[in-house]
Every structure is written in structure tokens, then in C-alpha cells.
PDB file of N, CA and C in Angstrom:
ATOM      1  N   MET A   1     110.930 110.043 128.435  1.00  0.00           N
ATOM      2  CA  MET A   1     110.756 108.628 127.965  1.00  0.00           C
ATOM      3  C   MET A   1     110.840 108.672 126.426  1.00  0.00           C
ATOM      4  N   GLY A   2     111.458 107.697 125.887  1.00  0.00           N
ATOM      5  CA  GLY A   2     111.712 107.605 124.351  1.00  0.00           C
ATOM      6  C   GLY A   2     110.431 107.154 123.661  1.00  0.00           C
ATOM      7  N   THR A   3     110.307 107.529 122.534  1.00  0.00           N
ATOM      8  CA  THR A   3     109.267 107.011 121.649  1.00  0.00           C
ATOM      9  C   THR A   3     109.542 105.685 121.087  1.00  0.00           C
ATOM     10  N   ARG A   4     108.711 104.677 121.179  1.00  0.00           N
ATOM     11  CA  ARG A   4     108.857 103.420 120.626  1.00  0.00           C
ATOM     12  C   ARG A   4     108.473 103.444 119.184  1.00  0.00           C
ATOM     13  N   THR A   5     109.243 102.991 118.291  1.00  0.00           N
ATOM     14  CA  THR A   5     108.923 102.755 116.850  1.00  0.00           C
ATOM     15  C   THR A   5     108.713 101.317 116.584  1.00  0.00           C
ATOM     16  N   ARG A   6     107.627 101.110 115.854  1.00  0.00           N
ATOM     17  CA  ARG A   6     107.151  99.776 115.565  1.00  0.00           C
ATOM     18  C   ARG A   6     108.105  99.247 114.411  1.00  0.00           C
ATOM     19  N   LYS A   7     108.584  98.079 114.494  1.00  0.00           N
ATOM     20  CA  LYS A   7     109.421  97.443 113.463  1.00  0.00           C
ATOM     21  C   LYS A   7     108.451  96.897 112.437  1.00  0.00           C
ATOM     22  N   SER A   8     108.786  97.147 111.191  1.00  0.00           N
ATOM     23  CA  SER A   8     107.951  96.423 110.082  1.00  0.00           C
ATOM     24  C   SER A   8     108.783  95.478 109.337  1.00  0.00           C
ATOM     25  N   TYR A   9     108.063  94.525 108.912  1.00  0.00           N
ATOM     26  CA  TYR A   9     108.738  93.413 108.050  1.00  0.00           C
ATOM     27  C   TYR A   9     108.037  93.293 106.755  1.00  0.00           C
ATOM     28  N   ASP A  10     108.842  93.071 105.713  1.00  0.00           N
ATOM     29  CA  ASP A  10     108.204  92.890 104.374  1.00  0.00           C
ATOM     30  C   ASP A  10     107.549  91.629 104.203  1.00  0.00           C
ATOM     31  N   ALA A  11     106.828  91.489 103.141  1.00  0.00           N
ATOM     32  CA  ALA A  11     106.147  90.248 102.777  1.00  0.00           C
ATOM     33  C   ALA A  11     107.022  89.057 102.668  1.00  0.00           C
ATOM     34  N   GLU A  12     108.153  89.264 101.967  1.00  0.00           N
ATOM     35  CA  GLU A  12     109.089  88.169 101.655  1.00  0.00           C
ATOM     36  C   GLU A  12     109.568  87.543 103.034  1.00  0.00           C
ATOM     37  N   PHE A  13     109.998  88.428 104.025  1.00  0.00           N
ATOM     38  CA  PHE A  13     110.552  88.003 105.262  1.00  0.00           C
ATOM     39  C   PHE A  13     109.436  87.174 105.997  1.00  0.00           C
ATOM     40  N   LYS A  14     108.234  87.790 105.974  1.00  0.00           N
ATOM     41  CA  LYS A  14     107.090  87.080 106.653  1.00  0.00           C
ATOM     42  C   LYS A  14     106.805  85.670 106.073  1.00  0.00           C
ATOM     43  N   ALA A  15     106.839  85.591 104.705  1.00  0.00           N
ATOM     44  CA  ALA A  15     106.694  84.273 104.037  1.00  0.00           C
ATOM     45  C   ALA A  15     107.780  83.267 104.468  1.00  0.00           C
ATOM     46  N   GLN A  16     109.006  83.781 104.555  1.00  0.00           N
ATOM     47  CA  GLN A  16     110.089  82.924 104.917  1.00  0.00           C
ATOM     48  C   GLN A  16     109.846  82.425 106.399  1.00  0.00           C
ATOM     49  N   VAL A  17     109.600  83.233 107.205  1.00  0.00           N
ATOM     50  CA  VAL A  17     109.322  82.939 108.621  1.00  0.00           C
ATOM     51  C   VAL A  17     108.153  81.829 108.815  1.00  0.00           C
ATOM     52  N   VAL A  18     107.035  82.121 108.035  1.00  0.00           N
ATOM     53  CA  VAL A  18     105.902  81.269 108.064  1.00  0.00           C
ATOM     54  C   VAL A  18     106.276  79.839 107.505  1.00  0.00           C
ATOM     55  N   LEU A  19     106.959  79.835 106.341  1.00  0.00           N
ATOM     56  CA  LEU A  19     107.156  78.508 105.713  1.00  0.00           C
ATOM     57  C   LEU A  19     108.181  77.796 106.559  1.00  0.00           C
ATOM     58  N   GLU A  20     109.151  78.487 107.130  1.00  0.00           N
ATOM     59  CA  GLU A  20     110.111  77.777 108.068  1.00  0.00           C
ATOM     60  C   GLU A  20     109.421  77.268 109.238  1.00  0.00           C
ATOM     61  N   SER A  21     108.498  78.047 109.788  1.00  0.00           N
ATOM     62  CA  SER A  21     107.722  77.573 111.030  1.00  0.00           C
ATOM     63  C   SER A  21     106.857  76.409 110.709  1.00  0.00           C
ATOM     64  N   MET A  22     106.433  76.170 109.497  1.00  0.00           N
ATOM     65  CA  MET A  22     105.542  75.075 109.163  1.00  0.00           C
ATOM     66  C   MET A  22     106.356  73.753 108.845  1.00  0.00           C
ATOM     67  N   GLN A  23     107.562  73.820 108.842  1.00  0.00           N
ATOM     68  CA  GLN A  23     108.344  72.548 108.624  1.00  0.00           C
ATOM     69  C   GLN A  23     108.164  71.668 109.821  1.00  0.00           C
ATOM     70  N   ARG A  24     108.148  70.379 109.464  1.00  0.00           N
ATOM     71  CA  ARG A  24     107.911  69.412 110.445  1.00  0.00           C
ATOM     72  C   ARG A  24     108.907  69.256 111.580  1.00  0.00           C
ATOM     73  N   ASP A  25     110.179  69.486 111.269  1.00  0.00           N
ATOM     74  CA  ASP A  25     111.298  69.351 112.303  1.00  0.00           C
ATOM     75  C   ASP A  25     111.670  70.615 112.968  1.00  0.00           C
ATOM     76  N   THR A  26     110.832  71.774 112.778  1.00  0.00           N
ATOM     77  CA  THR A  26     111.123  73.098 113.338  1.00  0.00           C
ATOM     78  C   THR A  26     109.982  73.559 114.106  1.00  0.00           C
ATOM     79  N   THR A  27     110.398  74.158 115.410  1.00  0.00           N
ATOM     80  CA  THR A  27     109.309  74.717 116.205  1.00  0.00           C
ATOM     81  C   THR A  27     109.230  76.172 116.013  1.00  0.00           C
ATOM     82  N   ILE A  28     108.006  76.689 116.424  1.00  0.00           N
ATOM     83  CA  ILE A  28     107.871  78.140 116.353  1.00  0.00           C
ATOM     84  C   ILE A  28     108.840  78.831 117.177  1.00  0.00           C
ATOM     85  N   GLU A  29     109.214  78.290 118.286  1.00  0.00           N
ATOM     86  CA  GLU A  29     110.256  78.853 119.195  1.00  0.00           C
ATOM     87  C   GLU A  29     111.667  78.955 118.550  1.00  0.00           C
ATOM     88  N   GLN A  30     111.937  77.957 117.829  1.00  0.00           N
ATOM     89  CA  GLN A  30     113.273  77.996 117.050  1.00  0.00           C
ATOM     90  C   GLN A  30     113.212  79.025 116.042  1.00  0.00           C
ATOM     91  N   VAL A  31     112.156  79.147 115.221  1.00  0.00           N
ATOM     92  CA  VAL A  31     112.145  80.182 114.200  1.00  0.00           C
ATOM     93  C   VAL A  31     112.155  81.600 114.870  1.00  0.00           C
ATOM     94  N   ARG A  32     111.306  81.708 115.969  1.00  0.00           N
ATOM     95  CA  ARG A  32     111.233  83.109 116.592  1.00  0.00           C
ATOM     96  C   ARG A  32     112.510  83.509 117.000  1.00  0.00           C
ATOM     97  N   THR A  33     113.333  82.457 117.797  1.00  0.00           N
ATOM     98  CA  THR A  33     114.641  82.856 118.192  1.00  0.00           C
ATOM     99  C   THR A  33     115.752  83.207 117.044  1.00  0.00           C
ATOM    100  N   LYS A  34     115.544  82.447 116.045  1.00  0.00           N
ATOM    101  CA  LYS A  34     116.468  82.532 114.949  1.00  0.00           C
ATOM    102  C   LYS A  34     116.271  83.990 114.306  1.00  0.00           C
ATOM    103  N   TYR A  35     115.040  84.424 114.187  1.00  0.00           N
ATOM    104  CA  TYR A  35     114.841  85.736 113.608  1.00  0.00           C
ATOM    105  C   TYR A  35     114.563  86.862 114.601  1.00  0.00           C
ATOM    106  N   GLY A  36     114.632  86.601 115.819  1.00  0.00           N
ATOM    107  CA  GLY A  36     114.471  87.591 116.846  1.00  0.00           C
ATOM    108  C   GLY A  36     113.169  88.355 116.865  1.00  0.00           C
ATOM    109  N   ILE A  37     112.117  87.585 116.716  1.00  0.00           N
ATOM    110  CA  ILE A  37     110.713  88.200 116.661  1.00  0.00           C
ATOM    111  C   ILE A  37     109.853  87.618 117.787  1.00  0.00           C
ATOM    112  N   LYS A  38     108.828  88.229 118.121  1.00  0.00           N
ATOM    113  CA  LYS A  38     107.846  87.803 119.171  1.00  0.00           C
ATOM    114  C   LYS A  38     107.093  86.618 118.712  1.00  0.00           C
ATOM    115  N   PRO A  39     106.766  85.739 119.549  1.00  0.00           N
ATOM    116  CA  PRO A  39     105.958  84.440 119.225  1.00  0.00           C
ATOM    117  C   PRO A  39     104.581  84.779 118.637  1.00  0.00           C
ATOM    118  N   ASN A  40     104.017  85.814 119.188  1.00  0.00           N
ATOM    119  CA  ASN A  40     102.641  86.164 118.683  1.00  0.00           C
ATOM    120  C   ASN A  40     102.701  86.588 117.353  1.00  0.00           C
ATOM    121  N   LEU A  41     103.861  87.251 116.816  1.00  0.00           N
ATOM    122  CA  LEU A  41     103.905  87.547 115.387  1.00  0.00           C
ATOM    123  C   LEU A  41     103.948  86.385 114.450  1.00  0.00           C
ATOM    124  N   VAL A  42     104.668  85.358 114.936  1.00  0.00           N
ATOM    125  CA  VAL A  42     104.761  84.105 114.057  1.00  0.00           C
ATOM    126  C   VAL A  42     103.279  83.534 113.926  1.00  0.00           C
ATOM    127  N   ASN A  43     102.628  83.425 115.047  1.00  0.00           N
ATOM    128  CA  ASN A  43     101.216  82.885 115.044  1.00  0.00           C
ATOM    129  C   ASN A  43     100.347  83.750 114.082  1.00  0.00           C
ATOM    130  N   LYS A  44     100.441  84.985 114.292  1.00  0.00           N
ATOM    131  CA  LYS A  44      99.560  85.976 113.538  1.00  0.00           C
ATOM    132  C   LYS A  44      99.873  85.830 112.023  1.00  0.00           C
ATOM    133  N   TRP A  45     101.149  85.793 111.697  1.00  0.00           N
ATOM    134  CA  TRP A  45     101.492  85.615 110.193  1.00  0.00           C
ATOM    135  C   TRP A  45     101.059  84.257 109.717  1.00  0.00           C
ATOM    136  N   ARG A  46     101.212  83.184 110.555  1.00  0.00           N
ATOM    137  CA  ARG A  46     100.733  81.889 110.152  1.00  0.00           C
ATOM    138  C   ARG A  46      99.214  81.900 109.868  1.00  0.00           C
ATOM    139  N   GLY A  47      98.374  82.581 110.638  1.00  0.00           N
ATOM    140  CA  GLY A  47      96.955  82.668 110.516  1.00  0.00           C
ATOM    141  C   GLY A  47      96.698  83.473 109.233  1.00  0.00           C
ATOM    142  N   GLN A  48      97.390  84.586 109.022  1.00  0.00           N
ATOM    143  CA  GLN A  48      97.110  85.376 107.705  1.00  0.00           C
ATOM    144  C   GLN A  48      97.488  84.520 106.525  1.00  0.00           C
ATOM    145  N   PHE A  49      98.616  83.745 106.646  1.00  0.00           N
ATOM    146  CA  PHE A  49      98.929  82.876 105.539  1.00  0.00           C
ATOM    147  C   PHE A  49      97.890  81.853 105.202  1.00  0.00           C
ATOM    148  N   LYS A  50      97.357  81.199 106.232  1.00  0.00           N
ATOM    149  CA  LYS A  50      96.472  80.112 106.061  1.00  0.00           C
ATOM    150  C   LYS A  50      95.060  80.689 105.504  1.00  0.00           C
ATOM    151  N   GLN A  51      94.752  81.969 105.930  1.00  0.00           N
ATOM    152  CA  GLN A  51      93.525  82.586 105.268  1.00  0.00           C
ATOM    153  C   GLN A  51      93.689  83.040 103.871  1.00  0.00           C
ATOM    154  N   ASN A  52      94.844  83.300 103.539  1.00  0.00           N
ATOM    155  CA  ASN A  52      95.025  83.876 102.166  1.00  0.00           C
ATOM    156  C   ASN A  52      95.867  82.960 101.183  1.00  0.00           C
ATOM    157  N   VAL A  53      96.198  81.712 101.589  1.00  0.00           N
ATOM    158  CA  VAL A  53      96.938  80.941 100.741  1.00  0.00           C
ATOM    159  C   VAL A  53      96.282  80.535  99.356  1.00  0.00           C
ATOM    160  N   HIS A  54      95.071  80.529  99.418  1.00  0.00           N
ATOM    161  CA  HIS A  54      94.150  80.336  98.150  1.00  0.00           C
ATOM    162  C   HIS A  54      94.521  81.379  97.013  1.00  0.00           C
ATOM    163  N   LEU A  55      94.916  82.618  97.484  1.00  0.00           N
ATOM    164  CA  LEU A  55      95.044  83.618  96.526  1.00  0.00           C
ATOM    165  C   LEU A  55      96.294  83.426  95.600  1.00  0.00           C
ATOM    166  N   ALA A  56      97.211  82.534  96.146  1.00  0.00           N
ATOM    167  CA  ALA A  56      98.355  82.202  95.256  1.00  0.00           C
ATOM    168  C   ALA A  56      97.965  81.490  94.088  1.00  0.00           C
ATOM    169  N   PHE A  57      96.840  80.899  93.981  1.00  0.00           N
ATOM    170  CA  PHE A  57      96.384  80.110  92.819  1.00  0.00           C
ATOM    171  C   PHE A  57      95.286  80.797  92.012  1.00  0.00           C
ATOM    172  N   CYS A  58      94.948  81.966  92.412  1.00  0.00           N
ATOM    173  CA  CYS A  58      93.837  82.697  91.716  1.00  0.00           C
ATOM    174  C   CYS A  58      94.498  83.386  90.553  1.00  0.00           C
ATOM    175  N   LYS A  59      93.607  83.465  89.468  1.00  0.00           N
ATOM    176  CA  LYS A  59      94.106  84.193  88.195  1.00  0.00           C
ATOM    177  C   LYS A  59      93.837  85.610  88.541  1.00  0.00           C
ATOM    178  N   SER A  60      94.725  86.507  88.103  1.00  0.00           N
ATOM    179  CA  SER A  60      94.612  87.968  88.170  1.00  0.00           C
ATOM    180  C   SER A  60      93.714  88.397  87.048  1.00  0.00           C
ATOM    181  N   GLY A  61      92.728  89.163  87.473  1.00  0.00           N
ATOM    182  CA  GLY A  61      91.845  89.685  86.339  1.00  0.00           C
ATOM    183  C   GLY A  61      92.410  90.999  85.703  1.00  0.00           C
ATOM    184  N   THR A  62      93.585  91.432  86.179  1.00  0.00           N
ATOM    185  CA  THR A  62      94.174  92.710  85.747  1.00  0.00           C
ATOM    186  C   THR A  62      95.170  92.424  84.579  1.00  0.00           C
ATOM    187  N   LYS A  63      95.527  91.225  84.407  1.00  0.00           N
ATOM    188  CA  LYS A  63      96.483  90.838  83.343  1.00  0.00           C
ATOM    189  C   LYS A  63      95.800  90.819  81.976  1.00  0.00           C
ATOM    190  N   LYS A  64      96.386  91.400  81.030  1.00  0.00           N
ATOM    191  CA  LYS A  64      95.848  91.440  79.711  1.00  0.00           C
ATOM    192  C   LYS A  64      96.362  90.122  79.011  1.00  0.00           C
ATOM    193  N   LYS A  65      95.452  89.363  78.378  1.00  0.00           N
ATOM    194  CA  LYS A  65      95.877  88.201  77.720  1.00  0.00           C
ATOM    195  C   LYS A  65      96.456  88.608  76.352  1.00  0.00           C
ATOM    196  N   THR A  66      97.629  87.954  76.010  1.00  0.00           N
ATOM    197  CA  THR A  66      98.319  88.183  74.793  1.00  0.00           C
ATOM    198  C   THR A  66      98.221  86.969  73.873  1.00  0.00           C
ATOM    199  N   LYS A  67      98.353  87.278  72.583  1.00  0.00           N
ATOM    200  CA  LYS A  67      98.338  86.240  71.686  1.00  0.00           C
ATOM    201  C   LYS A  67      99.687  86.093  71.226  1.00  0.00           C
ATOM    202  N   PRO A  68     100.129  84.907  70.688  1.00  0.00           N
ATOM    203  CA  PRO A  68     101.467  84.575  70.223  1.00  0.00           C
ATOM    204  C   PRO A  68     101.845  85.725  69.202  1.00  0.00           C
ATOM    205  N   GLY A  69     102.978  86.388  69.346  1.00  0.00           N
ATOM    206  CA  GLY A  69     103.437  87.357  68.525  1.00  0.00           C
ATOM    207  C   GLY A  69     103.171  88.763  68.970  1.00  0.00           C
ATOM    208  N   ASP A  70     102.231  88.841  69.933  1.00  0.00           N
ATOM    209  CA  ASP A  70     102.007  90.147  70.524  1.00  0.00           C
ATOM    210  C   ASP A  70     103.168  90.537  71.557  1.00  0.00           C
ATOM    211  N   LYS A  71     103.578  91.856  71.472  1.00  0.00           N
ATOM    212  CA  LYS A  71     104.557  92.339  72.360  1.00  0.00           C
ATOM    213  C   LYS A  71     104.059  93.459  73.239  1.00  0.00           C
ATOM    214  N   PRO A  72     104.195  93.313  74.500  1.00  0.00           N
ATOM    215  CA  PRO A  72     103.584  94.534  75.243  1.00  0.00           C
ATOM    216  C   PRO A  72     104.401  95.877  74.892  1.00  0.00           C
ATOM    217  N   ASP A  73     103.723  96.955  75.152  1.00  0.00           N
ATOM    218  CA  ASP A  73     104.313  98.201  74.780  1.00  0.00           C
ATOM    219  C   ASP A  73     105.748  98.538  75.346  1.00  0.00           C
ATOM    220  N   TYR A  74     105.873  98.131  76.525  1.00  0.00           N
ATOM    221  CA  TYR A  74     107.220  98.406  77.179  1.00  0.00           C
ATOM    222  C   TYR A  74     108.289  97.674  76.464  1.00  0.00           C
ATOM    223  N   LEU A  75     108.017  96.432  76.037  1.00  0.00           N
ATOM    224  CA  LEU A  75     109.012  95.638  75.385  1.00  0.00           C
ATOM    225  C   LEU A  75     109.370  96.251  73.897  1.00  0.00           C
ATOM    226  N   LYS A  76     108.299  96.798  73.320  1.00  0.00           N
ATOM    227  CA  LYS A  76     108.466  97.428  72.019  1.00  0.00           C
ATOM    228  C   LYS A  76     109.393  98.681  72.202  1.00  0.00           C
ATOM    229  N   LYS A  77     109.201  99.377  73.296  1.00  0.00           N
ATOM    230  CA  LYS A  77     110.038 100.632  73.612  1.00  0.00           C
ATOM    231  C   LYS A  77     111.441 100.222  73.925  1.00  0.00           C
ATOM    232  N   ILE A  78     111.631  99.170  74.599  1.00  0.00           N
ATOM    233  CA  ILE A  78     113.032  98.636  74.889  1.00  0.00           C
ATOM    234  C   ILE A  78     113.674  98.244  73.636  1.00  0.00           C
ATOM    235  N   ILE A  79     112.981  97.530  72.790  1.00  0.00           N
ATOM    236  CA  ILE A  79     113.552  97.002  71.535  1.00  0.00           C
ATOM    237  C   ILE A  79     113.958  98.305  70.661  1.00  0.00           C
ATOM    238  N   GLY A  80     112.995  99.310  70.667  1.00  0.00           N
ATOM    239  CA  GLY A  80     113.387 100.477  69.839  1.00  0.00           C
ATOM    240  C   GLY A  80     114.556 101.183  70.328  1.00  0.00           C
ATOM    241  N   ASP A  81     114.656 101.378  71.633  1.00  0.00           N
ATOM    242  CA  ASP A  81     115.847 102.037  72.257  1.00  0.00           C
ATOM    243  C   ASP A  81     117.101 101.277  72.055  1.00  0.00           C
ATOM    244  N   LEU A  82     117.030  99.987  72.194  1.00  0.00           N
ATOM    245  CA  LEU A  82     118.315  99.160  71.907  1.00  0.00           C
ATOM    246  C   LEU A  82     118.707  99.246  70.361  1.00  0.00           C
ATOM    247  N   THR A  83     117.684  99.261  69.490  1.00  0.00           N
ATOM    248  CA  THR A  83     118.034  99.411  68.123  1.00  0.00           C
ATOM    249  C   THR A  83     118.697 100.647  67.789  1.00  0.00           C
ATOM    250  N   VAL A  84     118.228 101.770  68.371  1.00  0.00           N
ATOM    251  CA  VAL A  84     118.889 103.149  68.124  1.00  0.00           C
ATOM    252  C   VAL A  84     120.238 103.042  68.645  1.00  0.00           C
ATOM    253  N   GLU A  85     120.448 102.634  69.950  1.00  0.00           N
ATOM    254  CA  GLU A  85     121.727 102.551  70.513  1.00  0.00           C
ATOM    255  C   GLU A  85     122.704 101.699  69.678  1.00  0.00           C
ATOM    256  N   ASN A  86     122.245 100.553  69.217  1.00  0.00           N
ATOM    257  CA  ASN A  86     123.012  99.619  68.305  1.00  0.00           C
ATOM    258  C   ASN A  86     123.484 100.407  67.016  1.00  0.00           C
ATOM    259  N   ASP A  87     122.554 101.158  66.389  1.00  0.00           N
ATOM    260  CA  ASP A  87     122.785 101.973  65.247  1.00  0.00           C
ATOM    261  C   ASP A  87     123.915 102.920  65.528  1.00  0.00           C
ATOM    262  N   ILE A  88     123.824 103.650  66.675  1.00  0.00           N
ATOM    263  CA  ILE A  88     124.897 104.671  67.101  1.00  0.00           C
ATOM    264  C   ILE A  88     126.162 103.995  67.283  1.00  0.00           C
ATOM    265  N   LEU A  89     126.246 102.879  67.923  1.00  0.00           N
ATOM    266  CA  LEU A  89     127.500 102.215  68.226  1.00  0.00           C
ATOM    267  C   LEU A  89     128.043 101.608  66.927  1.00  0.00           C
ATOM    268  N   LYS A  90     127.339 101.205  65.958  1.00  0.00           N
ATOM    269  CA  LYS A  90     127.818 100.778  64.702  1.00  0.00           C
ATOM    270  C   LYS A  90     128.457 101.910  63.998  1.00  0.00           C
ATOM    271  N   LYS A  91     127.792 103.044  63.904  1.00  0.00           N
ATOM    272  CA  LYS A  91     128.343 104.318  63.375  1.00  0.00           C
ATOM    273  C   LYS A  91     129.651 104.736  63.993  1.00  0.00           C
ATOM    274  N   ALA A  92     129.741 104.765  65.313  1.00  0.00           N
ATOM    275  CA  ALA A  92     130.934 105.101  66.235  1.00  0.00           C
ATOM    276  C   ALA A  92     131.975 104.108  65.740  1.00  0.00           C
ATOM    277  N   LEU A  93     131.740 102.758  65.565  1.00  0.00           N
ATOM    278  CA  LEU A  93     132.722 101.917  65.201  1.00  0.00           C
ATOM    279  C   LEU A  93     133.321 102.009  63.900  1.00  0.00           C
ATOM    280  N   SER A  94     132.435 102.432  62.870  1.00  0.00           N
ATOM    281  CA  SER A  94     132.928 102.660  61.544  1.00  0.00           C
ATOM    282  C   SER A  94     133.834 103.909  61.489  1.00  0.00           C
ATOM    283  N   VAL A  95     133.709 104.828  62.377  1.00  0.00           N
ATOM    284  CA  VAL A  95     134.737 105.851  62.396  1.00  0.00           C
ATOM    285  C   VAL A  95     136.050 105.437  62.888  1.00  0.00           C
ATOM    286  N   TRP A  96     136.178 104.437  63.637  1.00  0.00           N
ATOM    287  CA  TRP A  96     137.468 103.949  64.116  1.00  0.00           C
ATOM    288  C   TRP A  96     138.086 103.040  63.109  1.00  0.00           C
ATOM    289  N   ASP A  97     137.343 102.435  62.185  1.00  0.00           N
ATOM    290  CA  ASP A  97     137.941 101.479  61.204  1.00  0.00           C
ATOM    291  C   ASP A  97     138.595 102.314  60.107  1.00  0.00           C
TER     292      ASP A  97
END
């Protein structure tokens, strides 16, 4: 006998299915058939969505507040890299002139 592997779905797909299933003119059966998933999954995902929907409006405590004019370190690095590349390209162009 073969081993069954459980199919996994990403969060974006689940959200799409749930939102589509909550539309007034769409039934769960239509959504289930369209995406080829079991009816109990749609109901399970809808329940999870309803329990966690409030999290979409919560402020994340992990984000660092920035002041106007502040630049995150990764942006400073990108700007620095682009400046160096720009200087190299300018020098290369001056050789061709």
C-alpha cells in the first residue's frame, strides 16, 4: 500500500478560499469544487479566520518606530551599494568617451 502524503496549503491560498466562501452569492460547495478541496477544510479555515481576524488590526510590538529622516540600516546599505556601483559605472563611461 502506498503512503499518503498530506497536501498543504499556504496562508494566501487559505485566505482566498475563505474570503471567496464568505461572499453572499457563493456557496461553500462552489468554492470547494472550484479549488478541489474537502468541505471540512473550508469550514475549518473559516473558523480559524473568524477567531483570528482581529489580529489584522493589531499593532505589532516588534516594529521599531522611526522618526522622519531616519533610515533603516538595510536601506542605508542599499544606498551605499548603489552609490559605489554608480561611481564605477561613471568611471567606466569616462573611459569610453
